[in-house]
Amino acid sequence: MTYETVAAISQSAVLIFYILFFIAVLVYVFWPGNKTRFERASRSALDLDGSAKDPGDDNK
């Protein structure tokens, strides 16, 4: 086995791995059961409910 053969095989294997990983991430993101989790995370990150306090606000 030459260096070129090993390099070609490893590059192909890594490419396939990244494609499969990307597909797995897409399946996880668009899985219907995760919608409520992502909605809750987006609301808490943006503070759309107004329940979180501003970290710089000292008035309680």
N, C-alpha and C. Protein backbone atom coordinates (compact mmCIF):
# COMPACT_ATOMS: atom_id res chain seq x y z
N MET A 1 0.83 -1.17 0.00
CA MET A 1 0.00 0.00 0.00
C MET A 1 0.88 1.25 0.00
N THR A 2 0.57 2.14 -0.89
CA THR A 2 1.34 3.37 -0.98
C THR A 2 0.65 4.47 -0.17
N TYR A 3 1.36 5.54 0.00
CA TYR A 3 0.81 6.69 0.74
C TYR A 3 -0.44 7.23 0.04
N GLU A 4 -0.41 7.27 -1.28
CA GLU A 4 -1.54 7.82 -2.02
C GLU A 4 -2.79 6.97 -1.81
N THR A 5 -2.62 5.65 -1.75
CA THR A 5 -3.76 4.76 -1.54
C THR A 5 -4.34 4.96 -0.14
N VAL A 6 -3.48 5.01 0.86
CA VAL A 6 -3.95 5.22 2.23
C VAL A 6 -4.61 6.58 2.37
N ALA A 7 -4.04 7.60 1.75
CA ALA A 7 -4.62 8.94 1.83
C ALA A 7 -5.99 8.98 1.15
N ALA A 8 -6.12 8.34 0.01
CA ALA A 8 -7.41 8.33 -0.70
C ALA A 8 -8.46 7.59 0.11
N ILE A 9 -8.11 6.46 0.70
CA ILE A 9 -9.07 5.69 1.49
C ILE A 9 -9.48 6.48 2.73
N SER A 10 -8.53 7.09 3.42
CA SER A 10 -8.87 7.84 4.62
C SER A 10 -9.69 9.08 4.30
N GLN A 11 -9.40 9.75 3.20
CA GLN A 11 -10.19 10.92 2.81
C GLN A 11 -11.61 10.52 2.46
N SER A 12 -11.78 9.41 1.79
CA SER A 12 -13.12 8.93 1.46
C SER A 12 -13.89 8.53 2.71
N ALA A 13 -13.20 7.86 3.63
CA ALA A 13 -13.86 7.43 4.87
C ALA A 13 -14.29 8.63 5.70
N VAL A 14 -13.45 9.64 5.80
CA VAL A 14 -13.79 10.84 6.57
C VAL A 14 -14.94 11.59 5.91
N LEU A 15 -14.94 11.67 4.59
CA LEU A 15 -16.04 12.32 3.87
C LEU A 15 -17.36 11.62 4.15
N ILE A 16 -17.36 10.29 4.10
CA ILE A 16 -18.58 9.53 4.38
C ILE A 16 -19.01 9.74 5.83
N PHE A 17 -18.05 9.75 6.75
CA PHE A 17 -18.37 10.00 8.16
C PHE A 17 -19.02 11.36 8.35
N TYR A 18 -18.48 12.39 7.76
CA TYR A 18 -19.05 13.74 7.90
C TYR A 18 -20.43 13.84 7.27
N ILE A 19 -20.64 13.19 6.15
CA ILE A 19 -21.96 13.20 5.52
C ILE A 19 -22.97 12.51 6.42
N LEU A 20 -22.60 11.35 6.99
CA LEU A 20 -23.51 10.64 7.89
C LEU A 20 -23.78 11.44 9.16
N PHE A 21 -22.75 12.11 9.68
CA PHE A 21 -22.93 12.94 10.87
C PHE A 21 -23.86 14.11 10.56
N PHE A 22 -23.71 14.73 9.41
CA PHE A 22 -24.57 15.85 9.02
C PHE A 22 -26.02 15.38 8.88
N ILE A 23 -26.22 14.22 8.29
CA ILE A 23 -27.58 13.68 8.16
C ILE A 23 -28.17 13.39 9.53
N ALA A 24 -27.36 12.85 10.45
CA ALA A 24 -27.84 12.57 11.80
C ALA A 24 -28.24 13.85 12.52
N VAL A 25 -27.48 14.91 12.35
CA VAL A 25 -27.83 16.19 12.97
C VAL A 25 -29.12 16.73 12.37
N LEU A 26 -29.29 16.63 11.07
CA LEU A 26 -30.53 17.09 10.45
C LEU A 26 -31.73 16.30 10.94
N VAL A 27 -31.58 14.99 11.08
CA VAL A 27 -32.68 14.16 11.58
C VAL A 27 -33.03 14.58 13.00
N TYR A 28 -32.01 14.82 13.83
CA TYR A 28 -32.26 15.24 15.22
C TYR A 28 -32.97 16.59 15.27
N VAL A 29 -32.53 17.52 14.45
CA VAL A 29 -33.10 18.86 14.48
C VAL A 29 -34.55 18.86 14.00
N PHE A 30 -34.84 18.12 12.97
CA PHE A 30 -36.19 18.16 12.39
C PHE A 30 -37.09 17.04 12.90
N TRP A 31 -36.66 16.29 13.91
CA TRP A 31 -37.51 15.26 14.49
C TRP A 31 -38.69 15.93 15.20
N PRO A 32 -39.92 15.49 14.93
CA PRO A 32 -41.09 16.19 15.49
C PRO A 32 -41.10 16.26 17.02
N GLY A 33 -40.55 15.30 17.69
CA GLY A 33 -40.57 15.29 19.15
C GLY A 33 -39.67 16.34 19.77
N ASN A 34 -38.75 16.90 19.02
CA ASN A 34 -37.83 17.90 19.56
C ASN A 34 -38.33 19.33 19.39
N LYS A 35 -39.49 19.49 18.77
CA LYS A 35 -39.98 20.84 18.50
C LYS A 35 -40.22 21.63 19.78
N THR A 36 -40.85 21.02 20.77
CA THR A 36 -41.14 21.74 22.01
C THR A 36 -39.85 22.10 22.74
N ARG A 37 -38.85 21.23 22.69
CA ARG A 37 -37.57 21.52 23.34
C ARG A 37 -36.90 22.73 22.69
N PHE A 38 -36.92 22.78 21.36
CA PHE A 38 -36.30 23.91 20.67
C PHE A 38 -37.11 25.19 20.84
N GLU A 39 -38.42 25.09 20.88
CA GLU A 39 -39.26 26.26 21.13
C GLU A 39 -38.97 26.84 22.51
N ARG A 40 -38.89 25.97 23.51
CA ARG A 40 -38.61 26.41 24.87
C ARG A 40 -37.22 27.05 24.97
N ALA A 41 -36.24 26.44 24.30
CA ALA A 41 -34.88 27.00 24.32
C ALA A 41 -34.82 28.34 23.62
N SER A 42 -35.55 28.49 22.52
CA SER A 42 -35.51 29.77 21.81
C SER A 42 -36.20 30.87 22.62
N ARG A 43 -37.28 30.52 23.30
CA ARG A 43 -37.97 31.52 24.12
C ARG A 43 -37.12 31.93 25.31
N SER A 44 -36.43 30.99 25.93
CA SER A 44 -35.62 31.36 27.09
C SER A 44 -34.38 32.14 26.65
N ALA A 45 -33.85 31.85 25.48
CA ALA A 45 -32.67 32.56 24.99
C ALA A 45 -33.03 34.00 24.62
N LEU A 46 -34.21 34.19 24.06
CA LEU A 46 -34.63 35.53 23.65
C LEU A 46 -35.43 36.25 24.72
N ASP A 47 -35.83 35.54 25.77
CA ASP A 47 -36.62 36.08 26.85
C ASP A 47 -37.91 36.70 26.34
N LEU A 48 -38.63 35.93 25.54
CA LEU A 48 -39.88 36.43 24.99
C LEU A 48 -41.00 36.43 26.03
N ASP A 49 -40.87 35.63 27.06
CA ASP A 49 -41.91 35.58 28.08
C ASP A 49 -41.75 36.68 29.12
N GLY A 50 -40.57 37.27 29.21
CA GLY A 50 -40.32 38.31 30.19
C GLY A 50 -40.10 37.79 31.59
N SER A 51 -39.90 36.49 31.75
CA SER A 51 -39.75 35.92 33.08
C SER A 51 -38.34 36.06 33.62
N ALA A 52 -37.34 36.13 32.76
CA ALA A 52 -35.96 36.25 33.23
C ALA A 52 -35.62 37.71 33.47
N LYS A 53 -34.75 37.95 34.44
CA LYS A 53 -34.33 39.30 34.76
C LYS A 53 -33.08 39.65 34.00
N ASP A 54 -32.91 40.92 33.71
CA ASP A 54 -31.71 41.41 33.05
C ASP A 54 -30.53 41.26 34.01
N PRO A 55 -29.43 40.63 33.60
CA PRO A 55 -28.31 40.43 34.52
C PRO A 55 -27.73 41.74 35.04
N GLY A 56 -27.84 42.84 34.32
CA GLY A 56 -27.30 44.11 34.77
C GLY A 56 -28.26 44.91 35.62
N ASP A 57 -29.47 44.43 35.78
CA ASP A 57 -30.48 45.17 36.52
C ASP A 57 -30.40 44.81 38.01
N ASP A 58 -30.06 45.76 38.86
CA ASP A 58 -29.92 45.52 40.29
C ASP A 58 -31.18 45.81 41.06
N ASN A 59 -32.15 46.46 40.44
CA ASN A 59 -33.41 46.76 41.13
C ASN A 59 -34.26 45.51 41.18
N LYS A 60 -34.61 45.13 42.41
CA LYS A 60 -35.38 43.89 42.57
C LYS A 60 -36.79 44.18 42.97
